[in-house]
PDB file of N, CA and C in Angstrom:
ATOM      1  N   MET A   1       0.838  -1.195   0.000  1.00  0.00           N
ATOM      2  CA  MET A   1       0.000   0.000   0.000  1.00  0.00           C
ATOM      3  C   MET A   1       0.871   1.242   0.000  1.00  0.00           C
ATOM      4  N   PRO A   2       0.542   2.196  -0.868  1.00  0.00           N
ATOM      5  CA  PRO A   2       1.274   3.469  -0.878  1.00  0.00           C
ATOM      6  C   PRO A   2       1.092   4.202   0.457  1.00  0.00           C
ATOM      7  N   LYS A   3       2.097   4.974   0.819  1.00  0.00           N
ATOM      8  CA  LYS A   3       2.034   5.726   2.072  1.00  0.00           C
ATOM      9  C   LYS A   3       1.581   7.151   1.813  1.00  0.00           C
ATOM     10  N   ASN A   4       1.062   7.770   2.862  1.00  0.00           N
ATOM     11  CA  ASN A   4       0.670   9.177   2.846  1.00  0.00           C
ATOM     12  C   ASN A   4      -0.394   9.511   1.807  1.00  0.00           C
ATOM     13  N   ILE A   5      -1.386   8.643   1.733  1.00  0.00           N
ATOM     14  CA  ILE A   5      -2.557   8.921   0.903  1.00  0.00           C
ATOM     15  C   ILE A   5      -3.802   8.682   1.751  1.00  0.00           C
ATOM     16  N   LYS A   6      -4.891   9.263   1.315  1.00  0.00           N
ATOM     17  CA  LYS A   6      -6.211   8.957   1.883  1.00  0.00           C
ATOM     18  C   LYS A   6      -7.120   8.628   0.718  1.00  0.00           C
ATOM     19  N   CYS A   7      -7.869   7.543   0.850  1.00  0.00           N
ATOM     20  CA  CYS A   7      -8.762   7.074  -0.204  1.00  0.00           C
ATOM     21  C   CYS A   7     -10.202   7.216   0.262  1.00  0.00           C
ATOM     22  N   TYR A   8     -11.054   7.652  -0.654  1.00  0.00           N
ATOM     23  CA  TYR A   8     -12.463   7.870  -0.327  1.00  0.00           C
ATOM     24  C   TYR A   8     -13.355   7.232  -1.390  1.00  0.00           C
ATOM     25  N   ASP A   9     -14.541   6.830  -0.955  1.00  0.00           N
ATOM     26  CA  ASP A   9     -15.571   6.267  -1.834  1.00  0.00           C
ATOM     27  C   ASP A   9     -16.885   6.949  -1.471  1.00  0.00           C
ATOM     28  N   ASN A  10     -17.476   7.635  -2.441  1.00  0.00           N
ATOM     29  CA  ASN A  10     -18.748   8.317  -2.160  1.00  0.00           C
ATOM     30  C   ASN A  10     -19.961   7.446  -2.487  1.00  0.00           C
ATOM     31  N   GLY A  11     -19.728   6.160  -2.727  1.00  0.00           N
ATOM     32  CA  GLY A  11     -20.828   5.228  -2.948  1.00  0.00           C
ATOM     33  C   GLY A  11     -21.503   5.353  -4.298  1.00  0.00           C
ATOM     34  N   GLY A  12     -20.906   6.083  -5.222  1.00  0.00           N
ATOM     35  CA  GLY A  12     -21.483   6.234  -6.550  1.00  0.00           C
ATOM     36  C   GLY A  12     -22.384   7.437  -6.707  1.00  0.00           C
ATOM     37  N   LYS A  13     -22.325   8.374  -5.775  1.00  0.00           N
ATOM     38  CA  LYS A  13     -23.159   9.583  -5.872  1.00  0.00           C
ATOM     39  C   LYS A  13     -22.771  10.458  -7.054  1.00  0.00           C
ATOM     40  N   THR A  14     -21.504  10.365  -7.469  1.00  0.00           N
ATOM     41  CA  THR A  14     -21.024  11.146  -8.610  1.00  0.00           C
ATOM     42  C   THR A  14     -20.164  10.259  -9.504  1.00  0.00           C
ATOM     43  N   LEU A  15     -19.869  10.731 -10.701  1.00  0.00           N
ATOM     44  CA  LEU A  15     -19.045   9.969 -11.634  1.00  0.00           C
ATOM     45  C   LEU A  15     -17.671   9.687 -11.044  1.00  0.00           C
ATOM     46  N   ASP A  16     -17.119  10.657 -10.332  1.00  0.00           N
ATOM     47  CA  ASP A  16     -15.815  10.450  -9.696  1.00  0.00           C
ATOM     48  C   ASP A  16     -16.005   9.832  -8.311  1.00  0.00           C
ATOM     49  N   ARG A  17     -16.497   8.619  -8.312  1.00  0.00           N
ATOM     50  CA  ARG A  17     -16.851   7.916  -7.072  1.00  0.00           C
ATOM     51  C   ARG A  17     -15.679   7.827  -6.108  1.00  0.00           C
ATOM     52  N   TYR A  18     -14.492   7.559  -6.631  1.00  0.00           N
ATOM     53  CA  TYR A  18     -13.304   7.372  -5.799  1.00  0.00           C
ATOM     54  C   TYR A  18     -12.405   8.602  -5.886  1.00  0.00           C
ATOM     55  N   THR A  19     -11.884   9.010  -4.736  1.00  0.00           N
ATOM     56  CA  THR A  19     -10.916  10.101  -4.687  1.00  0.00           C
ATOM     57  C   THR A  19      -9.743   9.642  -3.837  1.00  0.00           C
ATOM     58  N   VAL A  20      -8.546   9.843  -4.371  1.00  0.00           N
ATOM     59  CA  VAL A  20      -7.335   9.551  -3.617  1.00  0.00           C
ATOM     60  C   VAL A  20      -6.570  10.855  -3.477  1.00  0.00           C
ATOM     61  N   VAL A  21      -6.303  11.228  -2.234  1.00  0.00           N
ATOM     62  CA  VAL A  21      -5.612  12.473  -1.923  1.00  0.00           C
ATOM     63  C   VAL A  21      -4.162  12.140  -1.588  1.00  0.00           C
ATOM     64  N   TYR A  22      -3.229  12.855  -2.249  1.00  0.00           N
ATOM     65  CA  TYR A  22      -1.795  12.649  -2.059  1.00  0.00           C
ATOM     66  C   TYR A  22      -1.283  13.634  -1.010  1.00  0.00           C
ATOM     67  N   LEU A  23      -1.151  13.163   0.222  1.00  0.00           N
ATOM     68  CA  LEU A  23      -0.823  14.037   1.345  1.00  0.00           C
ATOM     69  C   LEU A  23       0.594  14.585   1.295  1.00  0.00           C
ATOM     70  N   ASP A  24       1.463  13.973   0.502  1.00  0.00           N
ATOM     71  CA  ASP A  24       2.830  14.474   0.344  1.00  0.00           C
ATOM     72  C   ASP A  24       2.945  15.497  -0.779  1.00  0.00           C
ATOM     73  N   GLN A  25       1.808  15.862  -1.370  1.00  0.00           N
ATOM     74  CA  GLN A  25       1.820  16.800  -2.492  1.00  0.00           C
ATOM     75  C   GLN A  25       0.876  17.971  -2.214  1.00  0.00           C
ATOM     76  N   PRO A  26       1.289  18.887  -1.309  1.00  0.00           N
ATOM     77  CA  PRO A  26       0.432  20.033  -0.988  1.00  0.00           C
ATOM     78  C   PRO A  26       0.237  20.932  -2.204  1.00  0.00           C
ATOM     79  N   ALA A  27      -0.912  21.563  -2.242  1.00  0.00           N
ATOM     80  CA  ALA A  27      -1.249  22.437  -3.372  1.00  0.00           C
ATOM     81  C   ALA A  27      -1.572  23.843  -2.887  1.00  0.00           C
ATOM     82  N   GLY A  28      -0.894  24.270  -1.836  1.00  0.00           N
ATOM     83  CA  GLY A  28      -1.080  25.632  -1.350  1.00  0.00           C
ATOM     84  C   GLY A  28      -2.254  25.777  -0.407  1.00  0.00           C
ATOM     85  N   HIS A  29      -2.753  26.971  -0.297  1.00  0.00           N
ATOM     86  CA  HIS A  29      -3.886  27.365   0.547  1.00  0.00           C
ATOM     87  C   HIS A  29      -3.711  26.917   1.998  1.00  0.00           C
ATOM     88  N   LYS A  30      -2.641  27.394   2.610  1.00  0.00           N
ATOM     89  CA  LYS A  30      -2.389  27.175   4.042  1.00  0.00           C
ATOM     90  C   LYS A  30      -2.308  25.698   4.424  1.00  0.00           C
ATOM     91  N   GLY A  31      -1.874  24.861   3.511  1.00  0.00           N
ATOM     92  CA  GLY A  31      -1.705  23.447   3.827  1.00  0.00           C
ATOM     93  C   GLY A  31      -2.977  22.634   3.876  1.00  0.00           C
ATOM     94  N   ASN A  32      -4.086  23.207   3.445  1.00  0.00           N
ATOM     95  CA  ASN A  32      -5.360  22.487   3.489  1.00  0.00           C
ATOM     96  C   ASN A  32      -5.713  21.780   2.188  1.00  0.00           C
ATOM     97  N   LEU A  33      -5.001  22.073   1.120  1.00  0.00           N
ATOM     98  CA  LEU A  33      -5.290  21.470  -0.178  1.00  0.00           C
ATOM     99  C   LEU A  33      -4.133  20.598  -0.627  1.00  0.00           C
ATOM    100  N   PHE A  34      -4.495  19.497  -1.276  1.00  0.00           N
ATOM    101  CA  PHE A  34      -3.501  18.543  -1.756  1.00  0.00           C
ATOM    102  C   PHE A  34      -3.869  18.093  -3.162  1.00  0.00           C
ATOM    103  N   GLU A  35      -2.868  17.659  -3.904  1.00  0.00           N
ATOM    104  CA  GLU A  35      -3.150  17.062  -5.204  1.00  0.00           C
ATOM    105  C   GLU A  35      -3.937  15.778  -4.971  1.00  0.00           C
ATOM    106  N   CYS A  36      -4.794  15.454  -5.930  1.00  0.00           N
ATOM    107  CA  CYS A  36      -5.624  14.259  -5.807  1.00  0.00           C
ATOM    108  C   CYS A  36      -5.986  13.752  -7.194  1.00  0.00           C
ATOM    109  N   VAL A  37      -6.600  12.594  -7.210  1.00  0.00           N
ATOM    110  CA  VAL A  37      -7.169  12.064  -8.441  1.00  0.00           C
ATOM    111  C   VAL A  37      -8.569  11.559  -8.109  1.00  0.00           C
ATOM    112  N   GLY A  38      -9.514  11.958  -8.929  1.00  0.00           N
ATOM    113  CA  GLY A  38     -10.884  11.474  -8.828  1.00  0.00           C
ATOM    114  C   GLY A  38     -11.133  10.531  -9.984  1.00  0.00           C
ATOM    115  N   MET A  39     -11.836   9.443  -9.741  1.00  0.00           N
ATOM    116  CA  MET A  39     -12.003   8.456 -10.806  1.00  0.00           C
ATOM    117  C   MET A  39     -13.214   7.570 -10.553  1.00  0.00           C
ATOM    118  N   ASN A  40     -13.656   6.926 -11.626  1.00  0.00           N
ATOM    119  CA  ASN A  40     -14.637   5.863 -11.466  1.00  0.00           C
ATOM    120  C   ASN A  40     -13.879   4.544 -11.447  1.00  0.00           C
ATOM    121  N   GLU A  41     -14.581   3.441 -11.486  1.00  0.00           N
ATOM    122  CA  GLU A  41     -13.916   2.139 -11.363  1.00  0.00           C
ATOM    123  C   GLU A  41     -13.110   1.751 -12.588  1.00  0.00           C
ATOM    124  N   THR A  42     -13.278   2.462 -13.709  1.00  0.00           N
ATOM    125  CA  THR A  42     -12.542   2.136 -14.939  1.00  0.00           C
ATOM    126  C   THR A  42     -11.852   3.376 -15.501  1.00  0.00           C
ATOM    127  N   PRO A  43     -10.858   3.924 -14.802  1.00  0.00           N
ATOM    128  CA  PRO A  43     -10.253   5.182 -15.247  1.00  0.00           C
ATOM    129  C   PRO A  43      -9.471   5.095 -16.557  1.00  0.00           C
ATOM    130  N   PHE A  44      -9.107   3.895 -17.016  1.00  0.00           N
ATOM    131  CA  PHE A  44      -8.356   3.750 -18.260  1.00  0.00           C
ATOM    132  C   PHE A  44      -9.251   3.456 -19.461  1.00  0.00           C
ATOM    133  N   HIS A  45     -10.514   3.184 -19.238  1.00  0.00           N
ATOM    134  CA  HIS A  45     -11.442   2.868 -20.318  1.00  0.00           C
ATOM    135  C   HIS A  45     -11.799   4.158 -21.061  1.00  0.00           C
ATOM    136  N   PRO A  46     -12.012   4.101 -22.377  1.00  0.00           N
ATOM    137  CA  PRO A  46     -12.374   5.311 -23.122  1.00  0.00           C
ATOM    138  C   PRO A  46     -13.618   6.023 -22.579  1.00  0.00           C
ATOM    139  N   GLN A  47     -14.522   5.281 -21.956  1.00  0.00           N
ATOM    140  CA  GLN A  47     -15.704   5.914 -21.373  1.00  0.00           C
ATOM    141  C   GLN A  47     -15.603   6.006 -19.850  1.00  0.00           C
ATOM    142  N   GLY A  48     -14.415   5.721 -19.328  1.00  0.00           N
ATOM    143  CA  GLY A  48     -14.172   5.830 -17.897  1.00  0.00           C
ATOM    144  C   GLY A  48     -13.804   7.263 -17.532  1.00  0.00           C
ATOM    145  N   PHE A  49     -13.500   7.457 -16.261  1.00  0.00           N
ATOM    146  CA  PHE A  49     -13.168   8.792 -15.777  1.00  0.00           C
ATOM    147  C   PHE A  49     -11.999   8.710 -14.812  1.00  0.00           C
ATOM    148  N   GLY A  50     -11.011   9.558 -15.031  1.00  0.00           N
ATOM    149  CA  GLY A  50      -9.878   9.726 -14.128  1.00  0.00           C
ATOM    150  C   GLY A  50      -9.306  11.104 -14.354  1.00  0.00           C
ATOM    151  N   GLN A  51      -9.384  11.957 -13.348  1.00  0.00           N
ATOM    152  CA  GLN A  51      -8.937  13.340 -13.520  1.00  0.00           C
ATOM    153  C   GLN A  51      -8.204  13.818 -12.275  1.00  0.00           C
ATOM    154  N   HIS A  52      -7.066  14.464 -12.500  1.00  0.00           N
ATOM    155  CA  HIS A  52      -6.294  15.030 -11.403  1.00  0.00           C
ATOM    156  C   HIS A  52      -6.831  16.408 -11.055  1.00  0.00           C
ATOM    157  N   SER A  53      -6.744  16.717  -9.769  1.00  0.00           N
ATOM    158  CA  SER A  53      -7.277  17.988  -9.281  1.00  0.00           C
ATOM    159  C   SER A  53      -6.608  18.298  -7.945  1.00  0.00           C
ATOM    160  N   ILE A  54      -7.252  19.166  -7.172  1.00  0.00           N
ATOM    161  CA  ILE A  54      -6.830  19.422  -5.797  1.00  0.00           C
ATOM    162  C   ILE A  54      -8.052  19.266  -4.899  1.00  0.00           C
ATOM    163  N   ALA A  55      -7.794  18.885  -3.646  1.00  0.00           N
ATOM    164  CA  ALA A  55      -8.903  18.671  -2.710  1.00  0.00           C
ATOM    165  C   ALA A  55      -8.402  18.820  -1.284  1.00  0.00           C
ATOM    166  N   SER A  56      -9.333  19.080  -0.411  1.00  0.00           N
ATOM    167  CA  SER A  56      -9.056  18.987   1.017  1.00  0.00           C
ATOM    168  C   SER A  56      -9.614  17.656   1.493  1.00  0.00           C
ATOM    169  N   VAL A  57      -8.978  17.076   2.494  1.00  0.00           N
ATOM    170  CA  VAL A  57      -9.451  15.791   3.004  1.00  0.00           C
ATOM    171  C   VAL A  57     -10.707  16.001   3.835  1.00  0.00           C
ATOM    172  N   GLY A  58     -11.537  14.975   3.892  1.00  0.00           N
ATOM    173  CA  GLY A  58     -12.728  15.060   4.722  1.00  0.00           C
ATOM    174  C   GLY A  58     -13.874  14.232   4.195  1.00  0.00           C
ATOM    175  N   LYS A  59     -14.906  14.151   5.023  1.00  0.00           N
ATOM    176  CA  LYS A  59     -16.045  13.291   4.693  1.00  0.00           C
ATOM    177  C   LYS A  59     -16.859  13.802   3.509  1.00  0.00           C
ATOM    178  N   HIS A  60     -16.613  15.049   3.075  1.00  0.00           N
ATOM    179  CA  HIS A  60     -17.300  15.533   1.875  1.00  0.00           C
ATOM    180  C   HIS A  60     -16.907  14.724   0.637  1.00  0.00           C
ATOM    181  N   LEU A  61     -15.776  13.985   0.722  1.00  0.00           N
ATOM    182  CA  LEU A  61     -15.334  13.141  -0.386  1.00  0.00           C
ATOM    183  C   LEU A  61     -15.952  11.743  -0.325  1.00  0.00           C
ATOM    184  N   GLY A  62     -16.614  11.438   0.763  1.00  0.00           N
ATOM    185  CA  GLY A  62     -17.217  10.117   0.947  1.00  0.00           C
ATOM    186  C   GLY A  62     -16.640   9.442   2.163  1.00  0.00           C
ATOM    187  N   LYS A  63     -16.798   8.136   2.197  1.00  0.00           N
ATOM    188  CA  LYS A  63     -16.296   7.336   3.309  1.00  0.00           C
ATOM    189  C   LYS A  63     -14.833   6.996   3.060  1.00  0.00           C
ATOM    190  N   GLU A  64     -13.992   7.174   4.080  1.00  0.00           N
ATOM    191  CA  GLU A  64     -12.589   6.794   3.933  1.00  0.00           C
ATOM    192  C   GLU A  64     -12.494   5.275   3.874  1.00  0.00           C
ATOM    193  N   ILE A  65     -11.723   4.794   2.905  1.00  0.00           N
ATOM    194  CA  ILE A  65     -11.572   3.348   2.699  1.00  0.00           C
ATOM    195  C   ILE A  65     -10.094   2.999   2.598  1.00  0.00           C
ATOM    196  N   PRO A  66      -9.754   1.730   2.835  1.00  0.00           N
ATOM    197  CA  PRO A  66      -8.361   1.308   2.639  1.00  0.00           C
ATOM    198  C   PRO A  66      -8.021   1.275   1.145  1.00  0.00           C
ATOM    199  N   PHE A  67      -6.746   1.498   0.845  1.00  0.00           N
ATOM    200  CA  PHE A  67      -6.277   1.457  -0.540  1.00  0.00           C
ATOM    201  C   PHE A  67      -6.686   0.158  -1.221  1.00  0.00           C
ATOM    202  N   GLU A  68      -6.597  -0.947  -0.507  1.00  0.00           N
ATOM    203  CA  GLU A  68      -6.905  -2.261  -1.075  1.00  0.00           C
ATOM    204  C   GLU A  68      -8.367  -2.409  -1.467  1.00  0.00           C
ATOM    205  N   SER A  69      -9.231  -1.531  -0.984  1.00  0.00           N
ATOM    206  CA  SER A  69     -10.653  -1.583  -1.346  1.00  0.00           C
ATOM    207  C   SER A  69     -10.950  -0.886  -2.667  1.00  0.00           C
ATOM    208  N   LEU A  70      -9.979  -0.131  -3.180  1.00  0.00           N
ATOM    209  CA  LEU A  70     -10.164   0.503  -4.499  1.00  0.00           C
ATOM    210  C   LEU A  70     -10.175  -0.575  -5.579  1.00  0.00           C
ATOM    211  N   PRO A  71     -10.934  -0.360  -6.662  1.00  0.00           N
ATOM    212  CA  PRO A  71     -10.837  -1.277  -7.799  1.00  0.00           C
ATOM    213  C   PRO A  71      -9.390  -1.343  -8.301  1.00  0.00           C
ATOM    214  N   ILE A  72      -9.025  -2.465  -8.882  1.00  0.00           N
ATOM    215  CA  ILE A  72      -7.646  -2.695  -9.338  1.00  0.00           C
ATOM    216  C   ILE A  72      -7.160  -1.591 -10.271  1.00  0.00           C
ATOM    217  N   ASP A  73      -7.985  -1.158 -11.229  1.00  0.00           N
ATOM    218  CA  ASP A  73      -7.553  -0.093 -12.142  1.00  0.00           C
ATOM    219  C   ASP A  73      -7.266   1.207 -11.391  1.00  0.00           C
ATOM    220  N   CYS A  74      -8.021   1.486 -10.346  1.00  0.00           N
ATOM    221  CA  CYS A  74      -7.780   2.689  -9.542  1.00  0.00           C
ATOM    222  C   CYS A  74      -6.461   2.560  -8.783  1.00  0.00           C
ATOM    223  N   GLN A  75      -6.195   1.374  -8.246  1.00  0.00           N
ATOM    224  CA  GLN A  75      -4.924   1.145  -7.571  1.00  0.00           C
ATOM    225  C   GLN A  75      -3.761   1.334  -8.539  1.00  0.00           C
ATOM    226  N   THR A  76      -3.928   0.841  -9.753  1.00  0.00           N
ATOM    227  CA  THR A  76      -2.884   0.978 -10.767  1.00  0.00           C
ATOM    228  C   THR A  76      -2.615   2.444 -11.076  1.00  0.00           C
ATOM    229  N   LEU A  77      -3.666   3.234 -11.233  1.00  0.00           N
ATOM    230  CA  LEU A  77      -3.511   4.660 -11.523  1.00  0.00           C
ATOM    231  C   LEU A  77      -2.743   5.356 -10.403  1.00  0.00           C
ATOM    232  N   VAL A  78      -3.109   5.082  -9.169  1.00  0.00           N
ATOM    233  CA  VAL A  78      -2.432   5.701  -8.020  1.00  0.00           C
ATOM    234  C   VAL A  78      -0.966   5.274  -7.972  1.00  0.00           C
ATOM    235  N   ASN A  79      -0.705   3.996  -8.145  1.00  0.00           N
ATOM    236  CA  ASN A  79       0.681   3.525  -8.133  1.00  0.00           C
ATOM    237  C   ASN A  79       1.507   4.163  -9.235  1.00  0.00           C
ATOM    238  N   ARG A  80       0.930   4.348 -10.407  1.00  0.00           N
ATOM    239  CA  ARG A  80       1.648   5.023 -11.497  1.00  0.00           C
ATOM    240  C   ARG A  80       1.940   6.473 -11.138  1.00  0.00           C
ATOM    241  N   ASP A  81       0.954   7.154 -10.568  1.00  0.00           N
ATOM    242  CA  ASP A  81       1.170   8.535 -10.146  1.00  0.00           C
ATOM    243  C   ASP A  81       2.326   8.639  -9.171  1.00  0.00           C
ATOM    244  N   LEU A  82       2.362   7.748  -8.211  1.00  0.00           N
ATOM    245  CA  LEU A  82       3.347   7.840  -7.142  1.00  0.00           C
ATOM    246  C   LEU A  82       4.741   7.421  -7.578  1.00  0.00           C
ATOM    247  N   THR A  83       4.828   6.602  -8.615  1.00  0.00           N
ATOM    248  CA  THR A  83       6.166   6.218  -9.096  1.00  0.00           C
ATOM    249  C   THR A  83       6.712   7.236 -10.091  1.00  0.00           C
ATOM    250  N   GLN A  84       5.853   8.109 -10.608  1.00  0.00           N
ATOM    251  CA  GLN A  84       6.295   9.129 -11.562  1.00  0.00           C
ATOM    252  C   GLN A  84       6.593  10.466 -10.899  1.00  0.00           C
ATOM    253  N   SER A  85       6.182  10.612  -9.636  1.00  0.00           N
ATOM    254  CA  SER A  85       6.370  11.926  -8.990  1.00  0.00           C
ATOM    255  C   SER A  85       7.691  12.014  -8.278  1.00  0.00           C
TER     256      SER A  85
END
């Protein structure tokens, strides 16, 4: 499991059901914002969704879940992000 991330699942309320926040990658605003990726379960599919953004951590992103609970494609996306940074 990657370190210094928080993973969230909003239960499918929005297209970007899963959000992973990279706590080692602050994005300004007094340390409250971090780089993140929002995605659905198929971020590599042509009709899937995976988009980088910034976010603050919290329950507004959904329920916090373990990294291992993310779909495999989501885990792959996060691992690629972390090995390229």
